[in-house]
Amino acid sequence: MKLGIILTGGSARADVQLAQRAEAAGFDYAFTIEFFNRHGYVPLGAIAQVTDRIQLGTGIANAFTRTPLLHASAAMDLDELSGGRMIVGLGSATRRMNEDWYGVPFSRPAARMRELVELLRAAFRAQKGGGFRWDGEFWQLNVPIYARPAAPRVDIPVWIAAV
């Protein structure tokens, strides 16, 4: 059995300390939350620097309030900083959260999520060198150069949550 913890310590510093304690106690996973007043990715950079073994992930990041390449670059940076321990946890959130809180459209979330995950995986593979094109239903991208000096894993896990 594997154990994980959701970091809701009330402050970013408290979450970092809680992740350290969770790792020392033998937990396998530590996930940050994302809400209108909390960022899902940012605290993981600090946590990656003070932990060695525990898997780190967003639990969950709002899938539709960032562009796909912003999700991809955050995930790849964190995978690099953590030595390959990043898990991208994504969720659609609710119509109200997307439209009223963030001002982004909310339509066909299942189809949009499917395409987002496919696009993220394409971006993870492309970062070894060269560029890529994406001509999907929801996103159209033409990225002529997409190489990273310290390319992390091309198979960063993407986990999906449901509301």
N, C-alpha and C. Protein backbone atom coordinates (compact mmCIF):
# COMPACT_ATOMS: atom_id res chain seq x y z
N MET A 1 0.85 -1.18 0.00
CA MET A 1 0.00 0.00 0.00
C MET A 1 0.89 1.24 0.00
N LYS A 2 0.47 2.24 -0.76
CA LYS A 2 1.19 3.51 -0.81
C LYS A 2 0.34 4.57 -0.14
N LEU A 3 1.02 5.49 0.54
CA LEU A 3 0.33 6.55 1.28
C LEU A 3 0.69 7.92 0.71
N GLY A 4 -0.31 8.78 0.65
CA GLY A 4 -0.09 10.15 0.20
C GLY A 4 -0.74 11.13 1.15
N ILE A 5 -0.34 12.38 1.01
CA ILE A 5 -0.87 13.45 1.86
C ILE A 5 -1.21 14.65 0.98
N ILE A 6 -2.32 15.29 1.30
CA ILE A 6 -2.68 16.55 0.66
C ILE A 6 -2.18 17.66 1.57
N LEU A 7 -1.37 18.54 1.03
CA LEU A 7 -0.75 19.60 1.82
C LEU A 7 -1.68 20.80 1.90
N THR A 8 -2.29 20.99 3.03
CA THR A 8 -3.21 22.12 3.24
C THR A 8 -2.85 22.81 4.55
N GLY A 9 -1.58 23.09 4.73
CA GLY A 9 -1.08 23.63 5.98
C GLY A 9 -1.47 25.06 6.28
N GLY A 10 -2.10 25.73 5.35
CA GLY A 10 -2.51 27.10 5.60
C GLY A 10 -1.53 28.12 5.07
N SER A 11 -0.28 27.75 4.93
CA SER A 11 0.72 28.65 4.34
C SER A 11 1.68 27.81 3.52
N ALA A 12 2.35 28.45 2.57
CA ALA A 12 3.30 27.71 1.74
C ALA A 12 4.43 27.14 2.59
N ARG A 13 4.91 27.91 3.54
CA ARG A 13 5.99 27.41 4.42
C ARG A 13 5.53 26.20 5.23
N ALA A 14 4.31 26.26 5.72
CA ALA A 14 3.78 25.12 6.48
C ALA A 14 3.67 23.89 5.60
N ASP A 15 3.29 24.07 4.33
CA ASP A 15 3.21 22.93 3.42
C ASP A 15 4.58 22.32 3.16
N VAL A 16 5.60 23.15 3.03
CA VAL A 16 6.96 22.64 2.84
C VAL A 16 7.38 21.80 4.04
N GLN A 17 7.13 22.32 5.23
CA GLN A 17 7.49 21.59 6.45
C GLN A 17 6.70 20.29 6.58
N LEU A 18 5.42 20.34 6.24
CA LEU A 18 4.58 19.15 6.31
C LEU A 18 5.06 18.09 5.32
N ALA A 19 5.49 18.50 4.15
CA ALA A 19 6.02 17.55 3.17
C ALA A 19 7.30 16.89 3.69
N GLN A 20 8.14 17.66 4.34
CA GLN A 20 9.35 17.09 4.93
C GLN A 20 9.00 16.04 5.99
N ARG A 21 8.04 16.37 6.84
CA ARG A 21 7.62 15.42 7.88
C ARG A 21 6.98 14.18 7.26
N ALA A 22 6.19 14.38 6.21
CA ALA A 22 5.56 13.24 5.54
C ALA A 22 6.61 12.31 4.93
N GLU A 23 7.62 12.88 4.32
CA GLU A 23 8.68 12.05 3.76
C GLU A 23 9.41 11.28 4.87
N ALA A 24 9.72 11.97 5.96
CA ALA A 24 10.40 11.31 7.08
C ALA A 24 9.55 10.19 7.68
N ALA A 25 8.23 10.34 7.62
CA ALA A 25 7.32 9.33 8.17
C ALA A 25 7.06 8.19 7.19
N GLY A 26 7.62 8.28 5.98
CA GLY A 26 7.49 7.19 5.02
C GLY A 26 6.39 7.34 3.99
N PHE A 27 5.75 8.51 3.92
CA PHE A 27 4.72 8.71 2.91
C PHE A 27 5.34 8.63 1.51
N ASP A 28 4.54 8.20 0.56
CA ASP A 28 5.00 8.03 -0.82
C ASP A 28 4.71 9.24 -1.70
N TYR A 29 3.64 9.98 -1.38
CA TYR A 29 3.19 11.09 -2.21
C TYR A 29 2.86 12.31 -1.36
N ALA A 30 3.14 13.50 -1.93
CA ALA A 30 2.69 14.76 -1.33
C ALA A 30 2.10 15.61 -2.45
N PHE A 31 0.85 16.03 -2.25
CA PHE A 31 0.14 16.79 -3.27
C PHE A 31 -0.24 18.16 -2.74
N THR A 32 -0.03 19.18 -3.57
CA THR A 32 -0.47 20.53 -3.23
C THR A 32 -1.89 20.73 -3.73
N ILE A 33 -2.60 21.67 -3.12
CA ILE A 33 -3.93 22.01 -3.58
C ILE A 33 -3.84 23.27 -4.44
N GLU A 34 -4.85 23.47 -5.27
CA GLU A 34 -4.96 24.72 -6.02
C GLU A 34 -6.38 25.23 -5.88
N PHE A 35 -6.47 26.47 -5.51
CA PHE A 35 -7.76 27.13 -5.36
C PHE A 35 -7.53 28.57 -5.77
N PHE A 36 -8.53 29.41 -5.72
CA PHE A 36 -8.33 30.78 -6.19
C PHE A 36 -7.26 31.52 -5.40
N ASN A 37 -6.96 31.06 -4.19
CA ASN A 37 -5.96 31.75 -3.37
C ASN A 37 -4.70 30.91 -3.15
N ARG A 38 -4.56 29.79 -3.83
CA ARG A 38 -3.39 28.92 -3.70
C ARG A 38 -2.96 28.44 -5.08
N HIS A 39 -1.67 28.45 -5.33
CA HIS A 39 -1.11 27.98 -6.60
C HIS A 39 -0.70 26.52 -6.43
N GLY A 40 -1.05 25.69 -7.39
CA GLY A 40 -0.74 24.27 -7.28
C GLY A 40 0.71 23.93 -7.56
N TYR A 41 1.36 24.65 -8.46
CA TYR A 41 2.72 24.29 -8.86
C TYR A 41 3.81 24.94 -8.01
N VAL A 42 3.66 26.20 -7.66
CA VAL A 42 4.76 26.96 -7.06
C VAL A 42 5.34 26.32 -5.80
N PRO A 43 4.53 25.91 -4.81
CA PRO A 43 5.12 25.34 -3.60
C PRO A 43 5.95 24.08 -3.86
N LEU A 44 5.66 23.37 -4.93
CA LEU A 44 6.40 22.14 -5.21
C LEU A 44 7.87 22.39 -5.50
N GLY A 45 8.20 23.58 -6.01
CA GLY A 45 9.61 23.91 -6.24
C GLY A 45 10.39 23.95 -4.94
N ALA A 46 9.80 24.56 -3.91
CA ALA A 46 10.45 24.60 -2.60
C ALA A 46 10.50 23.21 -1.97
N ILE A 47 9.41 22.47 -2.11
CA ILE A 47 9.36 21.12 -1.52
C ILE A 47 10.39 20.21 -2.18
N ALA A 48 10.57 20.35 -3.48
CA ALA A 48 11.55 19.53 -4.19
C ALA A 48 12.96 19.73 -3.66
N GLN A 49 13.25 20.94 -3.19
CA GLN A 49 14.59 21.25 -2.71
C GLN A 49 14.90 20.68 -1.32
N VAL A 50 13.88 20.33 -0.56
CA VAL A 50 14.11 19.87 0.81
C VAL A 50 13.65 18.42 1.03
N THR A 51 13.30 17.73 -0.04
CA THR A 51 12.93 16.32 0.03
C THR A 51 13.75 15.56 -1.00
N ASP A 52 13.83 14.24 -0.82
CA ASP A 52 14.64 13.43 -1.73
C ASP A 52 13.89 12.28 -2.38
N ARG A 53 12.87 11.77 -1.73
CA ARG A 53 12.25 10.53 -2.18
C ARG A 53 10.77 10.66 -2.52
N ILE A 54 10.04 11.42 -1.75
CA ILE A 54 8.59 11.49 -1.88
C ILE A 54 8.20 12.02 -3.25
N GLN A 55 7.21 11.37 -3.89
CA GLN A 55 6.68 11.85 -5.17
C GLN A 55 5.90 13.13 -4.91
N LEU A 56 6.01 14.09 -5.84
CA LEU A 56 5.37 15.39 -5.68
C LEU A 56 4.36 15.61 -6.79
N GLY A 57 3.22 16.20 -6.44
CA GLY A 57 2.24 16.45 -7.48
C GLY A 57 1.26 17.54 -7.13
N THR A 58 0.61 18.02 -8.18
CA THR A 58 -0.50 18.95 -8.00
C THR A 58 -1.73 18.11 -7.72
N GLY A 59 -2.48 18.51 -6.72
CA GLY A 59 -3.62 17.68 -6.35
C GLY A 59 -4.86 18.51 -6.04
N ILE A 60 -5.43 19.19 -6.91
CA ILE A 60 -5.25 19.15 -8.35
C ILE A 60 -5.05 20.57 -8.89
N ALA A 61 -4.41 20.68 -10.05
CA ALA A 61 -4.32 21.98 -10.72
C ALA A 61 -5.51 22.11 -11.66
N ASN A 62 -6.03 23.33 -11.76
CA ASN A 62 -7.15 23.56 -12.67
C ASN A 62 -6.64 23.45 -14.10
N ALA A 63 -7.20 22.54 -14.84
CA ALA A 63 -6.72 22.23 -16.18
C ALA A 63 -6.89 23.37 -17.17
N PHE A 64 -7.95 24.15 -17.02
CA PHE A 64 -8.33 25.06 -18.10
C PHE A 64 -7.99 26.52 -17.83
N THR A 65 -7.39 26.84 -16.71
CA THR A 65 -7.07 28.23 -16.42
C THR A 65 -5.64 28.60 -16.81
N ARG A 66 -4.91 27.65 -17.37
CA ARG A 66 -3.58 27.89 -17.93
C ARG A 66 -3.57 27.32 -19.35
N THR A 67 -2.64 27.82 -20.14
CA THR A 67 -2.47 27.22 -21.46
C THR A 67 -1.77 25.87 -21.29
N PRO A 68 -1.90 24.99 -22.27
CA PRO A 68 -1.22 23.70 -22.17
C PRO A 68 0.29 23.81 -21.98
N LEU A 69 0.93 24.75 -22.68
CA LEU A 69 2.38 24.86 -22.53
C LEU A 69 2.79 25.43 -21.19
N LEU A 70 1.94 26.21 -20.54
CA LEU A 70 2.25 26.64 -19.17
C LEU A 70 2.21 25.45 -18.22
N HIS A 71 1.21 24.59 -18.37
CA HIS A 71 1.19 23.35 -17.57
C HIS A 71 2.45 22.53 -17.85
N ALA A 72 2.77 22.35 -19.13
CA ALA A 72 3.90 21.51 -19.50
C ALA A 72 5.21 22.06 -18.97
N SER A 73 5.44 23.36 -19.12
CA SER A 73 6.71 23.92 -18.66
C SER A 73 6.82 23.86 -17.14
N ALA A 74 5.73 24.11 -16.43
CA ALA A 74 5.76 23.99 -14.97
C ALA A 74 6.08 22.56 -14.56
N ALA A 75 5.43 21.60 -15.20
CA ALA A 75 5.67 20.19 -14.87
C ALA A 75 7.10 19.78 -15.16
N MET A 76 7.63 20.21 -16.30
CA MET A 76 9.00 19.83 -16.66
C MET A 76 10.02 20.50 -15.75
N ASP A 77 9.80 21.76 -15.39
CA ASP A 77 10.70 22.42 -14.44
C ASP A 77 10.70 21.68 -13.11
N LEU A 78 9.51 21.35 -12.63
CA LEU A 78 9.41 20.67 -11.34
C LEU A 78 9.95 19.25 -11.40
N ASP A 79 9.79 18.58 -12.52
CA ASP A 79 10.37 17.25 -12.67
C ASP A 79 11.89 17.34 -12.63
N GLU A 80 12.43 18.36 -13.27
CA GLU A 80 13.88 18.57 -13.24
C GLU A 80 14.37 18.89 -11.83
N LEU A 81 13.70 19.83 -11.16
CA LEU A 81 14.10 20.22 -9.81
C LEU A 81 14.00 19.07 -8.81
N SER A 82 13.03 18.19 -9.02
CA SER A 82 12.80 17.10 -8.06
C SER A 82 13.54 15.82 -8.41
N GLY A 83 14.27 15.82 -9.49
CA GLY A 83 14.96 14.60 -9.88
C GLY A 83 14.02 13.52 -10.38
N GLY A 84 12.96 13.92 -11.08
CA GLY A 84 12.05 12.95 -11.68
C GLY A 84 10.93 12.48 -10.78
N ARG A 85 10.48 13.33 -9.87
CA ARG A 85 9.43 12.91 -8.92
C ARG A 85 8.09 13.59 -9.15
N MET A 86 7.91 14.30 -10.25
CA MET A 86 6.71 15.09 -10.48
C MET A 86 5.56 14.26 -11.03
N ILE A 87 4.35 14.54 -10.54
CA ILE A 87 3.10 14.01 -11.07
C ILE A 87 2.20 15.21 -11.33
N VAL A 88 1.66 15.29 -12.53
CA VAL A 88 0.72 16.37 -12.85
C VAL A 88 -0.68 15.87 -12.54
N GLY A 89 -1.33 16.48 -11.56
CA GLY A 89 -2.71 16.17 -11.24
C GLY A 89 -3.59 17.29 -11.76
N LEU A 90 -4.52 16.97 -12.64
CA LEU A 90 -5.38 17.97 -13.27
C LEU A 90 -6.84 17.66 -13.01
N GLY A 91 -7.61 18.73 -12.90
CA GLY A 91 -9.06 18.59 -12.79
C GLY A 91 -9.74 19.72 -13.54
N SER A 92 -10.96 19.48 -13.94
CA SER A 92 -11.68 20.49 -14.71
C SER A 92 -12.26 21.60 -13.84
N ALA A 93 -12.43 21.34 -12.55
CA ALA A 93 -13.16 22.24 -11.65
C ALA A 93 -14.61 22.34 -12.14
N THR A 94 -15.32 23.31 -11.65
CA THR A 94 -16.74 23.45 -12.01
C THR A 94 -16.92 24.59 -13.00
N ARG A 95 -18.07 24.61 -13.63
CA ARG A 95 -18.39 25.71 -14.55
C ARG A 95 -18.27 27.05 -13.81
N ARG A 96 -18.85 27.13 -12.63
CA ARG A 96 -18.82 28.39 -11.87
C ARG A 96 -17.39 28.84 -11.59
N MET A 97 -16.55 27.91 -11.15
CA MET A 97 -15.17 28.28 -10.85
C MET A 97 -14.46 28.80 -12.10
N ASN A 98 -14.59 28.09 -13.20
CA ASN A 98 -13.92 28.50 -14.44
C ASN A 98 -14.43 29.83 -14.94
N GLU A 99 -15.74 29.95 -15.07
CA GLU A 99 -16.30 31.14 -15.69
C GLU A 99 -16.38 32.34 -14.76
N ASP A 100 -16.83 32.14 -13.52
CA ASP A 100 -17.02 33.27 -12.61
C ASP A 100 -15.74 33.68 -11.89
N TRP A 101 -14.93 32.72 -11.49
CA TRP A 101 -13.73 33.06 -10.73
C TRP A 101 -12.55 33.40 -11.63
N TYR A 102 -12.40 32.64 -12.74
CA TYR A 102 -11.22 32.80 -13.57
C TYR A 102 -11.51 33.45 -14.92
N GLY A 103 -12.78 33.55 -15.31
CA GLY A 103 -13.13 34.20 -16.56
C GLY A 103 -12.76 33.40 -17.80
N VAL A 104 -12.72 32.08 -17.68
CA VAL A 104 -12.42 31.24 -18.84
C VAL A 104 -13.66 30.41 -19.20
N PRO A 105 -13.84 30.15 -20.49
CA PRO A 105 -15.03 29.38 -20.89
C PRO A 105 -14.96 27.94 -20.40
N PHE A 106 -16.13 27.37 -20.18
CA PHE A 106 -16.23 25.99 -19.70
C PHE A 106 -17.21 25.25 -20.58
N SER A 107 -16.69 24.53 -21.54
CA SER A 107 -17.56 23.74 -22.41
C SER A 107 -16.87 22.42 -22.71
N ARG A 108 -17.66 21.37 -22.76
CA ARG A 108 -17.17 20.04 -23.10
C ARG A 108 -15.91 19.68 -22.32
N PRO A 109 -15.97 19.68 -21.00
CA PRO A 109 -14.77 19.46 -20.19
C PRO A 109 -14.10 18.11 -20.42
N ALA A 110 -14.85 17.05 -20.64
CA ALA A 110 -14.22 15.74 -20.84
C ALA A 110 -13.40 15.72 -22.13
N ALA A 111 -13.96 16.23 -23.21
CA ALA A 111 -13.24 16.27 -24.48
C ALA A 111 -12.04 17.21 -24.39
N ARG A 112 -12.22 18.34 -23.73
CA ARG A 112 -11.13 19.31 -23.56
C ARG A 112 -10.00 18.69 -22.72
N MET A 113 -10.36 17.97 -21.67
CA MET A 113 -9.35 17.33 -20.81
C MET A 113 -8.59 16.26 -21.59
N ARG A 114 -9.29 15.47 -22.37
CA ARG A 114 -8.63 14.43 -23.17
C ARG A 114 -7.58 15.06 -24.09
N GLU A 115 -7.98 16.13 -24.77
CA GLU A 115 -7.03 16.78 -25.67
C GLU A 115 -5.86 17.39 -24.90
N LEU A 116 -6.14 17.98 -23.75
CA LEU A 116 -5.07 18.58 -22.95
C LEU A 116 -4.04 17.53 -22.55
N VAL A 117 -4.49 16.38 -22.09
CA VAL A 117 -3.55 15.32 -21.68
C VAL A 117 -2.73 14.86 -22.88
N GLU A 118 -3.36 14.68 -24.03
CA GLU A 118 -2.62 14.29 -25.23
C GLU A 118 -1.60 15.35 -25.61
N LEU A 119 -1.98 16.61 -25.51
CA LEU A 119 -1.08 17.71 -25.85
C LEU A 119 0.09 17.77 -24.87
N LEU A 120 -0.18 17.59 -23.58
CA LEU A 120 0.91 17.58 -22.60
C LEU A 120 1.90 16.47 -22.91
N ARG A 121 1.41 15.30 -23.20
CA ARG A 121 2.31 14.18 -23.51
C ARG A 121 3.14 14.47 -24.77
N ALA A 122 2.53 15.12 -25.75
CA ALA A 122 3.28 15.51 -26.95
C ALA A 122 4.36 16.54 -26.60
N ALA A 123 4.04 17.48 -25.74
CA ALA A 123 5.03 18.49 -25.32
C ALA A 123 6.16 17.84 -24.53
N PHE A 124 5.84 16.90 -23.65
CA PHE A 124 6.89 16.22 -22.89
C PHE A 124 7.85 15.49 -23.83
N ARG A 125 7.32 14.85 -24.86
CA ARG A 125 8.17 14.13 -25.82
C ARG A 125 8.99 15.11 -26.66
N ALA A 126 8.40 16.22 -27.04
CA ALA A 126 9.06 17.17 -27.94
C ALA A 126 10.22 17.90 -27.29
N GLN A 127 10.23 18.00 -25.97
CA GLN A 127 11.26 18.81 -25.31
C GLN A 127 12.65 18.21 -25.42
N LYS A 128 12.80 17.03 -25.97
CA LYS A 128 14.13 16.46 -26.21
C LYS A 128 14.82 17.16 -27.38
N GLY A 129 14.09 17.94 -28.14
CA GLY A 129 14.69 18.68 -29.25
C GLY A 129 13.69 18.90 -30.36
N GLY A 130 13.87 20.00 -31.07
CA GLY A 130 12.97 20.31 -32.17
C GLY A 130 11.71 20.98 -31.68
N GLY A 131 10.77 21.09 -32.56
CA GLY A 131 9.51 21.72 -32.22
C GLY A 131 8.37 20.76 -32.44
N PHE A 132 7.16 21.31 -32.40
CA PHE A 132 6.01 20.48 -32.70
C PHE A 132 4.82 21.34 -33.07
N ARG A 133 3.90 20.71 -33.76
CA ARG A 133 2.63 21.35 -34.14
C ARG A 133 1.52 20.58 -33.48
N TRP A 134 0.46 21.31 -33.14
CA TRP A 134 -0.74 20.68 -32.59
C TRP A 134 -1.94 21.33 -33.25
N ASP A 135 -2.74 20.51 -33.88
CA ASP A 135 -3.94 21.01 -34.54
C ASP A 135 -5.13 20.23 -34.00
N GLY A 136 -5.57 20.63 -32.82
CA GLY A 136 -6.66 19.94 -32.15
C GLY A 136 -7.96 20.71 -32.24
N GLU A 137 -8.94 20.19 -31.56
CA GLU A 137 -10.25 20.84 -31.54
C GLU A 137 -10.24 22.10 -30.67
N PHE A 138 -9.49 22.06 -29.57
CA PHE A 138 -9.50 23.17 -28.62
C PHE A 138 -8.24 24.03 -28.68
N TRP A 139 -7.13 23.45 -29.09
CA TRP A 139 -5.87 24.18 -29.15
C TRP A 139 -5.19 23.95 -30.49
N GLN A 140 -4.62 25.02 -31.03
CA GLN A 140 -3.80 24.95 -32.23
C GLN A 140 -2.47 25.62 -31.89
N LEU A 141 -1.39 24.86 -31.99
CA LEU A 141 -0.08 25.38 -31.62
C LEU A 141 0.92 25.10 -32.74
N ASN A 142 1.83 26.04 -32.92
CA ASN A 142 2.96 25.85 -33.82
C ASN A 142 4.18 26.32 -33.07
N VAL A 143 4.92 25.39 -32.51
CA VAL A 143 6.07 25.70 -31.66
C VAL A 143 7.32 25.27 -32.43
N PRO A 144 8.02 26.23 -33.07
CA PRO A 144 9.14 25.86 -33.94
C PRO A 144 10.35 25.30 -33.19
N ILE A 145 10.59 25.77 -31.98
CA ILE A 145 11.74 25.29 -31.20
C ILE A 145 11.22 24.95 -29.81
N TYR A 146 11.47 23.73 -29.39
CA TYR A 146 10.98 23.32 -28.07
C TYR A 146 11.96 22.35 -27.45
N ALA A 147 13.15 22.84 -27.19
CA ALA A 147 14.19 22.01 -26.59
C ALA A 147 14.57 22.58 -25.23
N ARG A 148 14.89 21.71 -24.31
CA ARG A 148 15.29 22.12 -22.97
C ARG A 148 16.73 21.67 -22.74
N PRO A 149 17.56 22.52 -22.11
CA PRO A 149 18.95 22.14 -21.88
C PRO A 149 19.09 20.91 -20.98
N ALA A 150 18.27 20.81 -19.98
CA ALA A 150 18.29 19.65 -19.08
C ALA A 150 16.93 18.98 -19.17
N ALA A 151 16.73 18.24 -20.24
CA ALA A 151 15.42 17.65 -20.50
C ALA A 151 15.06 16.62 -19.43
N PRO A 152 13.92 16.82 -18.77
CA PRO A 152 13.46 15.83 -17.80
C PRO A 152 12.82 14.64 -18.50
N ARG A 153 12.12 13.84 -17.75
CA ARG A 153 11.46 12.66 -18.32
C ARG A 153 10.48 13.05 -19.41
N VAL A 154 10.32 12.19 -20.36
CA VAL A 154 9.32 12.41 -21.41
C VAL A 154 8.00 11.74 -21.05
N ASP A 155 7.97 11.05 -19.93
CA ASP A 155 6.76 10.33 -19.51
C ASP A 155 6.29 10.77 -18.13
N ILE A 156 6.30 12.06 -17.88
CA ILE A 156 5.81 12.58 -16.60
C ILE A 156 4.36 12.14 -16.44
N PRO A 157 4.02 11.50 -15.32
CA PRO A 157 2.64 11.03 -15.15
C PRO A 157 1.64 12.18 -15.09
N VAL A 158 0.49 11.96 -15.71
CA VAL A 158 -0.62 12.90 -15.66
C VAL A 158 -1.81 12.15 -15.08
N TRP A 159 -2.28 12.61 -13.93
CA TRP A 159 -3.43 12.00 -13.27
C TRP A 159 -4.60 12.96 -13.39
N ILE A 160 -5.79 12.42 -13.56
CA ILE A 160 -7.00 13.22 -13.77
C ILE A 160 -7.95 13.02 -12.60
N ALA A 161 -8.51 14.13 -12.13
CA ALA A 161 -9.54 14.10 -11.08
C ALA A 161 -10.88 14.45 -11.72
N ALA A 162 -11.94 14.09 -11.06
CA ALA A 162 -13.27 14.40 -11.57
C ALA A 162 -14.05 15.17 -10.52
N VAL A 163 -14.91 16.07 -10.99
CA VAL A 163 -15.79 16.82 -10.10
C VAL A 163 -17.20 16.33 -10.33
